[in-house]
Each structure stands twice: as structure tokens, then as C-alpha cells.
Amino acid sequence: MPLLDIRSLDKSFTADNKEITVLDRLSLSIEDRDFVSIVGPTGCGKSTFLHIVGGFESKTGGEVRLNDRPLDAPGPDRGMMFQDHSLFPWLTALENVCWPLEMKGLPRAKRLEMAREYLDLVHLGRYADLYPEQLSGGMKQRAALARLLALDPQMFLMDEPFGALDSQTRELLQEELHAIWRHRRKTVLFVTHDIDEAVYLGTRLLVFTARPGRIKADIRIEADERTANFRTSPEFFKTRTRVWDLLREEVLKARALEEN
């Protein structure tokens, strides 16, 4: 039985007295411990799909089941990470990571111990007492990742979490995220516009069509023991080229929709 099972998922809304279909009969099964990268042209419904799985947005039709139970609301089994770090500005980095542990009812000493361990895991231990406004963009996202780890959901839902970062910081965080995933083996749905990022991180890569969003391709990437050198390997460039060939046609379709 798959961890996440999606059958004929539809999503539409009305704007300017017109019905717009965002997702159209999308079906997909996700296995436990998959790292699924999702790419597609702007407006194809990638983020909407993620928000429906997270329970933050309603579907128009179809079925979404996690562990064979229907999903229709947020829950602690799914944790969301956005491009905006969403840290509480009035709490320190340590206190932000403590927050989900407090919600679980852990005693103060235990949650402080665990929060420091998570901050150490993302190389933020020495900055535990700083507030978000005192952290760089990359450090804020590290703190947000540590908070997600502290929540310990069954599934990570990540909506372009590194999209606003400079390229050097972004690559380092990609490597750290992959190392953490190899160690903890959480199921991840990771939306990105960056093909290199999608290929580097994913064990599966989904290419969405232009709106209405459907799955054009579902590609397996066999590079479980990858290192930073994977980015310069023939397999990486072969997969990247294949993904771009698939995606380019959809980007052009999306551009034509915008112009009409």
C-alpha cells in the first residue's frame, strides 16, 4: 500500500466569471521514504497540489489518502516548509525549534536538549540565542528546517524552500537536506523551479504540464549515494537534459496561455 495515494484529483476556481481548472484528474502514488521533486511551468498547480496534500486548500474532486485515510485538513503527520521561513519573530532560533516540541507536551529540559540537537544538525548551534531578524536568509531557512525536523512529521512538504537564497547558500543547503534525508528517510514532496535542484535531490522527479496540471513524466533517479560530485556526473546531465526537453514544451504552452 502506498503512503500517499491520489486518485483523479481536480482543482478549479472561478475568477472574472470564468472557471479556471488548475489540476485535472491527477493520479499519483508515493511510497514511504521517496524524495519526490516536482517541476513545472509557472501556474501549473505545483504549489496548489502541495497545499491540498497539506490540508491547507480544498480539492474540487478526486481522492487524497495518506496511510489509506482520507485527507481533508492539516495534521501533524505532514510538515510544511515555505520559501518564506515563517519563523516566529518574537522567539529565538532555539525557541522556534522548541515550539513543536512544546506542542507535543515534552518537558522543558527535554525539549531544550532536542532543539539544540536539531540546530546542531543544521549547523546553527552557535546561533541558538539569536532572533530571526539577526539571521541571514540561509540561516533562517536552516532554523525552519530544524523546526520541521523537531515536528517529526511522516511527510515533509517543501514549497521552493531555497528559492530566495543565493546560489552558493542554496547548493550547501541542498547538500545538507540530502544528507539529512539519507539519515532520517522521511518522505518528501519538494516543489521547485530549479531543474538542477530537482535532479540533485530527488529519487523521483515529476514533470507537470502547463495548466491544467497533469503529470507529464515520472522519472526515477538512481543515485542514492550521491555526493556533491553528482552534479558533474554524466547521469546528472543526462537526466537534466531529459527533464528540460520535457519541461520546455510546457513552458512555451504556459507562455502562450498568458498571451491569449
C-alpha atoms as a PDB file:
ATOM      1  CA  MET A   1       0.000   0.000   0.000  1.00  0.00           C
ATOM      2  CA  PRO A   2       1.482   3.417  -0.927  1.00  0.00           C
ATOM      3  CA  LEU A   3       1.977   6.029   1.762  1.00  0.00           C
ATOM      4  CA  LEU A   4       0.163   8.686  -0.276  1.00  0.00           C
ATOM      5  CA  ASP A   5      -2.460   7.719  -2.832  1.00  0.00           C
ATOM      6  CA  ILE A   6      -4.067  10.327  -5.073  1.00  0.00           C
ATOM      7  CA  ARG A   7      -6.871   9.449  -7.480  1.00  0.00           C
ATOM      8  CA  SER A   8      -8.333  11.755 -10.144  1.00  0.00           C
ATOM      9  CA  LEU A   9      -7.543  14.932  -8.205  1.00  0.00           C
ATOM     10  CA  ASP A  10      -9.271  18.023  -9.580  1.00  0.00           C
ATOM     11  CA  LYS A  11      -8.964  21.647  -8.517  1.00  0.00           C
ATOM     12  CA  SER A  12     -10.714  24.609 -10.093  1.00  0.00           C
ATOM     13  CA  PHE A  13     -11.802  28.079  -9.069  1.00  0.00           C
ATOM     14  CA  THR A  14     -13.751  30.966 -10.511  1.00  0.00           C
ATOM     15  CA  ALA A  15     -12.149  34.291 -11.481  1.00  0.00           C
ATOM     16  CA  ASP A  16     -13.750  37.086 -13.519  1.00  0.00           C
ATOM     17  CA  ASN A  17     -16.821  34.857 -14.020  1.00  0.00           C
ATOM     18  CA  LYS A  18     -14.659  32.171 -15.637  1.00  0.00           C
ATOM     19  CA  GLU A  19     -13.916  28.722 -14.268  1.00  0.00           C
ATOM     20  CA  ILE A  20     -10.201  28.005 -14.249  1.00  0.00           C
ATOM     21  CA  THR A  21      -9.022  24.420 -13.919  1.00  0.00           C
ATOM     22  CA  VAL A  22      -5.721  24.207 -12.057  1.00  0.00           C
ATOM     23  CA  LEU A  23      -5.383  20.423 -11.644  1.00  0.00           C
ATOM     24  CA  ASP A  24      -7.105  17.924 -13.903  1.00  0.00           C
ATOM     25  CA  ARG A  25      -7.660  14.260 -12.920  1.00  0.00           C
ATOM     26  CA  LEU A  26      -4.206  13.956 -11.432  1.00  0.00           C
ATOM     27  CA  SER A  27      -3.385  10.466 -10.126  1.00  0.00           C
ATOM     28  CA  LEU A  28      -0.239   9.522  -8.259  1.00  0.00           C
ATOM     29  CA  SER A  29       1.104   7.094  -5.653  1.00  0.00           C
ATOM     30  CA  ILE A  30       4.009   7.986  -3.354  1.00  0.00           C
ATOM     31  CA  GLU A  31       5.914   5.312  -1.486  1.00  0.00           C
ATOM     32  CA  ASP A  32       7.291   5.730   2.008  1.00  0.00           C
ATOM     33  CA  ARG A  33      10.796   7.326   2.001  1.00  0.00           C
ATOM     34  CA  ASP A  34      10.520   8.658  -1.550  1.00  0.00           C
ATOM     35  CA  PHE A  35      12.062  12.085  -2.184  1.00  0.00           C
ATOM     36  CA  VAL A  36       9.813  13.455  -4.924  1.00  0.00           C
ATOM     37  CA  SER A  37      10.924  16.596  -6.763  1.00  0.00           C
ATOM     38  CA  ILE A  38       8.177  18.421  -8.671  1.00  0.00           C
ATOM     39  CA  VAL A  39       8.856  20.822 -11.549  1.00  0.00           C
ATOM     40  CA  GLY A  40       6.548  22.540 -13.998  1.00  0.00           C
ATOM     41  CA  PRO A  41       5.855  25.904 -15.605  1.00  0.00           C
ATOM     42  CA  THR A  42       4.568  28.812 -13.553  1.00  0.00           C
ATOM     43  CA  GLY A  43       0.856  28.468 -12.810  1.00  0.00           C
ATOM     44  CA  CYS A  44       0.673  24.718 -13.446  1.00  0.00           C
ATOM     45  CA  GLY A  45      -0.636  23.902  -9.970  1.00  0.00           C
ATOM     46  CA  LYS A  46       2.513  22.581  -8.259  1.00  0.00           C
ATOM     47  CA  SER A  47       2.056  24.615  -5.090  1.00  0.00           C
ATOM     48  CA  THR A  48      -1.711  24.108  -5.133  1.00  0.00           C
ATOM     49  CA  PHE A  49      -1.121  20.361  -5.256  1.00  0.00           C
ATOM     50  CA  LEU A  50       1.234  20.597  -2.278  1.00  0.00           C
ATOM     51  CA  HIS A  51      -1.246  22.699  -0.283  1.00  0.00           C
ATOM     52  CA  ILE A  52      -4.037  20.199  -0.955  1.00  0.00           C
ATOM     53  CA  VAL A  53      -1.840  17.372   0.354  1.00  0.00           C
ATOM     54  CA  GLY A  54      -1.032  19.556   3.360  1.00  0.00           C
ATOM     55  CA  GLY A  55      -4.733  20.094   4.016  1.00  0.00           C
ATOM     56  CA  PHE A  56      -4.461  23.879   3.616  1.00  0.00           C
ATOM     57  CA  GLU A  57      -6.546  24.023   0.444  1.00  0.00           C
ATOM     58  CA  SER A  58      -9.666  22.114  -0.561  1.00  0.00           C
ATOM     59  CA  LYS A  59      -9.916  19.958  -3.658  1.00  0.00           C
ATOM     60  CA  THR A  60     -12.748  20.157  -6.200  1.00  0.00           C
ATOM     61  CA  GLY A  61     -12.854  16.443  -6.897  1.00  0.00           C
ATOM     62  CA  GLY A  62     -10.990  13.184  -6.553  1.00  0.00           C
ATOM     63  CA  GLU A  63      -9.443  11.477  -3.571  1.00  0.00           C
ATOM     64  CA  VAL A  64      -6.304  12.052  -1.472  1.00  0.00           C
ATOM     65  CA  ARG A  65      -5.403   9.363   1.064  1.00  0.00           C
ATOM     66  CA  LEU A  66      -2.463   9.112   3.477  1.00  0.00           C
ATOM     67  CA  ASN A  67      -1.921   5.699   5.082  1.00  0.00           C
ATOM     68  CA  ASP A  68      -5.248   4.764   3.459  1.00  0.00           C
ATOM     69  CA  ARG A  69      -7.075   7.538   5.357  1.00  0.00           C
ATOM     70  CA  PRO A  70      -8.740  10.454   3.515  1.00  0.00           C
ATOM     71  CA  LEU A  71      -7.030  13.815   3.910  1.00  0.00           C
ATOM     72  CA  ASP A  72      -9.112  16.956   4.291  1.00  0.00           C
ATOM     73  CA  ALA A  73      -7.305  19.001   6.955  1.00  0.00           C
ATOM     74  CA  PRO A  74      -3.798  19.788   8.200  1.00  0.00           C
ATOM     75  CA  GLY A  75      -2.262  17.318  10.625  1.00  0.00           C
ATOM     76  CA  PRO A  76       0.977  16.583  12.495  1.00  0.00           C
ATOM     77  CA  ASP A  77       1.762  13.766  10.052  1.00  0.00           C
ATOM     78  CA  ARG A  78       2.601  16.445   7.423  1.00  0.00           C
ATOM     79  CA  GLY A  79       5.000  19.330   7.934  1.00  0.00           C
ATOM     80  CA  MET A  80       5.221  22.323   5.584  1.00  0.00           C
ATOM     81  CA  MET A  81       8.246  24.464   4.740  1.00  0.00           C
ATOM     82  CA  PHE A  82       7.831  27.547   2.542  1.00  0.00           C
ATOM     83  CA  GLN A  83      10.124  29.902   0.647  1.00  0.00           C
ATOM     84  CA  ASP A  84       9.441  32.341   3.457  1.00  0.00           C
ATOM     85  CA  HIS A  85      10.926  30.823   6.609  1.00  0.00           C
ATOM     86  CA  SER A  86       7.738  31.503   8.684  1.00  0.00           C
ATOM     87  CA  LEU A  87       9.686  31.657  11.933  1.00  0.00           C
ATOM     88  CA  PHE A  88       8.090  33.411  14.896  1.00  0.00           C
ATOM     89  CA  PRO A  89       9.958  36.749  15.041  1.00  0.00           C
ATOM     90  CA  TRP A  90       9.482  37.133  18.806  1.00  0.00           C
ATOM     91  CA  LEU A  91      11.248  33.811  19.503  1.00  0.00           C
ATOM     92  CA  THR A  92      14.939  32.945  19.265  1.00  0.00           C
ATOM     93  CA  ALA A  93      16.113  30.217  16.895  1.00  0.00           C
ATOM     94  CA  LEU A  94      16.193  27.817  19.829  1.00  0.00           C
ATOM     95  CA  GLU A  95      12.713  28.804  20.977  1.00  0.00           C
ATOM     96  CA  ASN A  96      11.349  28.421  17.440  1.00  0.00           C
ATOM     97  CA  VAL A  97      12.641  24.845  17.292  1.00  0.00           C
ATOM     98  CA  CYS A  98      11.321  24.187  20.804  1.00  0.00           C
ATOM     99  CA  TRP A  99       7.803  25.231  19.791  1.00  0.00           C
ATOM    100  CA  PRO A 100       6.653  21.959  18.119  1.00  0.00           C
ATOM    101  CA  LEU A 101       8.259  20.002  20.961  1.00  0.00           C
ATOM    102  CA  GLU A 102       6.260  22.070  23.450  1.00  0.00           C
ATOM    103  CA  MET A 103       3.099  21.335  21.453  1.00  0.00           C
ATOM    104  CA  LYS A 104       3.899  17.642  21.918  1.00  0.00           C
ATOM    105  CA  GLY A 105       3.956  18.164  25.676  1.00  0.00           C
ATOM    106  CA  LEU A 106       7.628  17.384  26.249  1.00  0.00           C
ATOM    107  CA  PRO A 107       9.137  18.730  29.491  1.00  0.00           C
ATOM    108  CA  ARG A 108      11.252  21.876  29.174  1.00  0.00           C
ATOM    109  CA  ALA A 109      14.616  20.226  29.793  1.00  0.00           C
ATOM    110  CA  LYS A 110      13.966  17.550  27.172  1.00  0.00           C
ATOM    111  CA  ARG A 111      12.745  19.941  24.505  1.00  0.00           C
ATOM    112  CA  LEU A 112      15.730  22.259  25.017  1.00  0.00           C
ATOM    113  CA  GLU A 113      18.068  19.292  24.668  1.00  0.00           C
ATOM    114  CA  MET A 114      16.356  18.078  21.496  1.00  0.00           C
ATOM    115  CA  ALA A 115      16.111  21.571  19.985  1.00  0.00           C
ATOM    116  CA  ARG A 116      19.848  22.093  20.424  1.00  0.00           C
ATOM    117  CA  GLU A 117      20.480  18.755  18.711  1.00  0.00           C
ATOM    118  CA  TYR A 118      18.366  19.798  15.714  1.00  0.00           C
ATOM    119  CA  LEU A 119      20.113  23.176  15.493  1.00  0.00           C
ATOM    120  CA  ASP A 120      23.473  21.401  15.613  1.00  0.00           C
ATOM    121  CA  LEU A 121      22.292  19.128  12.791  1.00  0.00           C
ATOM    122  CA  VAL A 122      21.762  22.164  10.534  1.00  0.00           C
ATOM    123  CA  HIS A 123      24.943  23.873  11.783  1.00  0.00           C
ATOM    124  CA  LEU A 124      23.161  26.589  13.748  1.00  0.00           C
ATOM    125  CA  GLY A 125      24.067  25.583  17.295  1.00  0.00           C
ATOM    126  CA  ARG A 126      26.175  28.665  17.971  1.00  0.00           C
ATOM    127  CA  TYR A 127      23.333  30.943  16.840  1.00  0.00           C
ATOM    128  CA  ALA A 128      20.648  29.392  19.045  1.00  0.00           C
ATOM    129  CA  ASP A 129      20.003  32.594  21.019  1.00  0.00           C
ATOM    130  CA  LEU A 130      19.622  34.900  18.011  1.00  0.00           C
ATOM    131  CA  TYR A 131      16.252  36.152  16.770  1.00  0.00           C
ATOM    132  CA  PRO A 132      15.187  35.683  13.115  1.00  0.00           C
ATOM    133  CA  GLU A 133      15.938  39.322  12.252  1.00  0.00           C
ATOM    134  CA  GLN A 134      19.544  38.700  13.318  1.00  0.00           C
ATOM    135  CA  LEU A 135      19.967  35.713  10.986  1.00  0.00           C
ATOM    136  CA  SER A 136      20.870  35.671   7.295  1.00  0.00           C
ATOM    137  CA  GLY A 137      18.412  34.250   4.763  1.00  0.00           C
ATOM    138  CA  GLY A 138      20.185  30.918   4.664  1.00  0.00           C
ATOM    139  CA  MET A 139      20.342  30.727   8.447  1.00  0.00           C
ATOM    140  CA  LYS A 140      16.613  31.420   8.709  1.00  0.00           C
ATOM    141  CA  GLN A 141      15.896  28.522   6.366  1.00  0.00           C
ATOM    142  CA  ARG A 142      18.216  26.289   8.397  1.00  0.00           C
ATOM    143  CA  ALA A 143      16.253  27.214  11.512  1.00  0.00           C
ATOM    144  CA  ALA A 144      12.984  26.499   9.698  1.00  0.00           C
ATOM    145  CA  LEU A 145      14.349  23.106   8.640  1.00  0.00           C
ATOM    146  CA  ALA A 146      15.377  22.361  12.225  1.00  0.00           C
ATOM    147  CA  ARG A 147      11.844  23.231  13.378  1.00  0.00           C
ATOM    148  CA  LEU A 148      10.410  20.901  10.729  1.00  0.00           C
ATOM    149  CA  LEU A 149      12.700  18.115  11.962  1.00  0.00           C
ATOM    150  CA  ALA A 150      11.544  18.770  15.528  1.00  0.00           C
ATOM    151  CA  LEU A 151       7.927  18.410  14.418  1.00  0.00           C
ATOM    152  CA  ASP A 152       8.936  14.963  13.085  1.00  0.00           C
ATOM    153  CA  PRO A 153       6.077  14.520  10.601  1.00  0.00           C
ATOM    154  CA  GLN A 154       5.783  11.454   8.427  1.00  0.00           C
ATOM    155  CA  MET A 155       5.930  13.616   5.302  1.00  0.00           C
ATOM    156  CA  PHE A 156       7.815  16.833   4.510  1.00  0.00           C
ATOM    157  CA  LEU A 157       6.037  19.232   2.130  1.00  0.00           C
ATOM    158  CA  MET A 158       8.559  21.773   0.834  1.00  0.00           C
ATOM    159  CA  ASP A 159       7.421  24.640  -1.401  1.00  0.00           C
ATOM    160  CA  GLU A 160      10.521  26.204  -3.007  1.00  0.00           C
ATOM    161  CA  PRO A 161      12.249  26.445   0.392  1.00  0.00           C
ATOM    162  CA  PHE A 162      15.563  27.598  -1.092  1.00  0.00           C
ATOM    163  CA  GLY A 163      14.155  29.738  -3.906  1.00  0.00           C
ATOM    164  CA  ALA A 164      15.065  33.117  -2.403  1.00  0.00           C
ATOM    165  CA  LEU A 165      18.656  32.230  -1.494  1.00  0.00           C
ATOM    166  CA  ASP A 166      21.895  32.980  -3.329  1.00  0.00           C
ATOM    167  CA  SER A 167      23.294  30.120  -5.401  1.00  0.00           C
ATOM    168  CA  GLN A 168      26.152  29.226  -3.037  1.00  0.00           C
ATOM    169  CA  THR A 169      23.913  29.045   0.034  1.00  0.00           C
ATOM    170  CA  ARG A 170      21.323  27.162  -1.967  1.00  0.00           C
ATOM    171  CA  GLU A 171      23.752  24.422  -3.028  1.00  0.00           C
ATOM    172  CA  LEU A 172      25.046  23.987   0.507  1.00  0.00           C
ATOM    173  CA  LEU A 173      21.511  23.655   1.863  1.00  0.00           C
ATOM    174  CA  GLN A 174      20.665  21.149  -0.865  1.00  0.00           C
ATOM    175  CA  GLU A 175      23.615  19.017   0.236  1.00  0.00           C
ATOM    176  CA  GLU A 176      22.619  19.297   3.888  1.00  0.00           C
ATOM    177  CA  LEU A 177      18.984  18.445   3.153  1.00  0.00           C
ATOM    178  CA  HIS A 178      20.037  15.393   1.159  1.00  0.00           C
ATOM    179  CA  ALA A 179      22.353  14.240   3.951  1.00  0.00           C
ATOM    180  CA  ILE A 180      19.535  14.640   6.494  1.00  0.00           C
ATOM    181  CA  TRP A 181      17.118  12.778   4.218  1.00  0.00           C
ATOM    182  CA  ARG A 182      19.571   9.877   3.831  1.00  0.00           C
ATOM    183  CA  HIS A 183      19.891   9.686   7.604  1.00  0.00           C
ATOM    184  CA  ARG A 184      16.209  10.041   8.527  1.00  0.00           C
ATOM    185  CA  ARG A 185      14.489   8.793   5.377  1.00  0.00           C
ATOM    186  CA  LYS A 186      11.375  10.911   5.593  1.00  0.00           C
ATOM    187  CA  THR A 187       9.021  11.083   2.638  1.00  0.00           C
ATOM    188  CA  VAL A 188       9.476  14.444   0.896  1.00  0.00           C
ATOM    189  CA  LEU A 189       7.438  16.328  -1.710  1.00  0.00           C
ATOM    190  CA  PHE A 190       9.677  19.144  -2.938  1.00  0.00           C
ATOM    191  CA  VAL A 191       8.379  21.811  -5.345  1.00  0.00           C
ATOM    192  CA  THR A 192      10.990  23.825  -7.223  1.00  0.00           C
ATOM    193  CA  HIS A 193      11.520  25.817 -10.421  1.00  0.00           C
ATOM    194  CA  ASP A 194      15.206  24.823 -10.457  1.00  0.00           C
ATOM    195  CA  ILE A 195      15.827  21.739 -12.618  1.00  0.00           C
ATOM    196  CA  ASP A 196      19.339  21.208 -11.216  1.00  0.00           C
ATOM    197  CA  GLU A 197      17.936  21.249  -7.685  1.00  0.00           C
ATOM    198  CA  ALA A 198      15.167  18.811  -8.622  1.00  0.00           C
ATOM    199  CA  VAL A 199      17.594  16.349 -10.225  1.00  0.00           C
ATOM    200  CA  TYR A 200      20.151  16.594  -7.426  1.00  0.00           C
ATOM    201  CA  LEU A 201      17.679  15.993  -4.598  1.00  0.00           C
ATOM    202  CA  GLY A 202      15.011  13.678  -5.960  1.00  0.00           C
ATOM    203  CA  THR A 203      14.753   9.914  -6.085  1.00  0.00           C
ATOM    204  CA  ARG A 204      11.722  10.617  -8.261  1.00  0.00           C
ATOM    205  CA  LEU A 205      11.073  13.657 -10.410  1.00  0.00           C
ATOM    206  CA  LEU A 206       7.612  14.655 -11.570  1.00  0.00           C
ATOM    207  CA  VAL A 207       7.169  16.992 -14.532  1.00  0.00           C
ATOM    208  CA  PHE A 208       3.820  18.812 -14.506  1.00  0.00           C
ATOM    209  CA  THR A 209       2.144  20.017 -17.681  1.00  0.00           C
ATOM    210  CA  ALA A 210       1.051  23.589 -18.263  1.00  0.00           C
ATOM    211  CA  ARG A 211      -2.316  24.430 -16.687  1.00  0.00           C
ATOM    212  CA  PRO A 212      -4.367  22.415 -16.097  1.00  0.00           C
ATOM    213  CA  GLY A 213      -1.720  20.489 -14.226  1.00  0.00           C
ATOM    214  CA  ARG A 214      -1.264  16.817 -15.040  1.00  0.00           C
ATOM    215  CA  ILE A 215       1.764  14.575 -14.690  1.00  0.00           C
ATOM    216  CA  LYS A 216       3.671  14.532 -17.957  1.00  0.00           C
ATOM    217  CA  ALA A 217       6.571  12.384 -16.744  1.00  0.00           C
ATOM    218  CA  ASP A 218       7.549  10.413 -13.642  1.00  0.00           C
ATOM    219  CA  ILE A 219      11.315   9.822 -13.669  1.00  0.00           C
ATOM    220  CA  ARG A 220      13.301   7.623 -11.289  1.00  0.00           C
ATOM    221  CA  ILE A 221      16.784   8.871 -10.379  1.00  0.00           C
ATOM    222  CA  GLU A 222      19.114   6.107  -9.196  1.00  0.00           C
ATOM    223  CA  ALA A 223      21.802   7.969  -7.265  1.00  0.00           C
ATOM    224  CA  ASP A 224      21.137   7.110  -3.654  1.00  0.00           C
ATOM    225  CA  GLU A 225      24.729   7.505  -2.508  1.00  0.00           C
ATOM    226  CA  ARG A 226      25.278  10.757  -4.373  1.00  0.00           C
ATOM    227  CA  THR A 227      27.729  13.401  -3.234  1.00  0.00           C
ATOM    228  CA  ALA A 228      28.368  16.952  -4.408  1.00  0.00           C
ATOM    229  CA  ASN A 229      30.221  15.346  -7.354  1.00  0.00           C
ATOM    230  CA  PHE A 230      26.903  14.006  -8.643  1.00  0.00           C
ATOM    231  CA  ARG A 231      26.297  17.453 -10.136  1.00  0.00           C
ATOM    232  CA  THR A 232      29.159  16.901 -12.622  1.00  0.00           C
ATOM    233  CA  SER A 233      28.362  13.272 -13.470  1.00  0.00           C
ATOM    234  CA  PRO A 234      27.119  12.061 -16.884  1.00  0.00           C
ATOM    235  CA  GLU A 235      23.949  10.732 -15.195  1.00  0.00           C
ATOM    236  CA  PHE A 236      23.143  14.175 -13.814  1.00  0.00           C
ATOM    237  CA  PHE A 237      23.480  15.902 -17.192  1.00  0.00           C
ATOM    238  CA  LYS A 238      21.587  13.150 -18.993  1.00  0.00           C
ATOM    239  CA  THR A 239      18.669  13.443 -16.574  1.00  0.00           C
ATOM    240  CA  ARG A 240      18.766  17.240 -16.569  1.00  0.00           C
ATOM    241  CA  THR A 241      18.636  17.341 -20.371  1.00  0.00           C
ATOM    242  CA  ARG A 242      15.711  14.922 -20.435  1.00  0.00           C
ATOM    243  CA  VAL A 243      13.770  16.970 -17.883  1.00  0.00           C
ATOM    244  CA  TRP A 244      14.380  20.240 -19.714  1.00  0.00           C
ATOM    245  CA  ASP A 245      13.290  18.719 -23.033  1.00  0.00           C
ATOM    246  CA  LEU A 246      10.036  17.658 -21.369  1.00  0.00           C
ATOM    247  CA  LEU A 247       9.571  20.922 -19.497  1.00  0.00           C
ATOM    248  CA  ARG A 248      10.460  23.343 -22.293  1.00  0.00           C
ATOM    249  CA  GLU A 249       7.376  22.410 -24.307  1.00  0.00           C
ATOM    250  CA  GLU A 250       5.148  23.020 -21.264  1.00  0.00           C
ATOM    251  CA  VAL A 251       6.793  26.372 -20.504  1.00  0.00           C
ATOM    252  CA  LEU A 252       6.057  27.503 -24.063  1.00  0.00           C
ATOM    253  CA  LYS A 253       2.437  26.349 -23.716  1.00  0.00           C
ATOM    254  CA  ALA A 254       2.109  28.266 -20.450  1.00  0.00           C
ATOM    255  CA  ARG A 255       3.532  31.392 -22.090  1.00  0.00           C
ATOM    256  CA  ALA A 256       1.001  31.085 -24.923  1.00  0.00           C
ATOM    257  CA  LEU A 257      -1.831  30.817 -22.376  1.00  0.00           C
ATOM    258  CA  GLU A 258      -0.649  34.034 -20.702  1.00  0.00           C
ATOM    259  CA  GLU A 259      -0.569  35.894 -24.013  1.00  0.00           C
ATOM    260  CA  ASN A 260      -4.090  34.837 -25.071  1.00  0.00           C
END
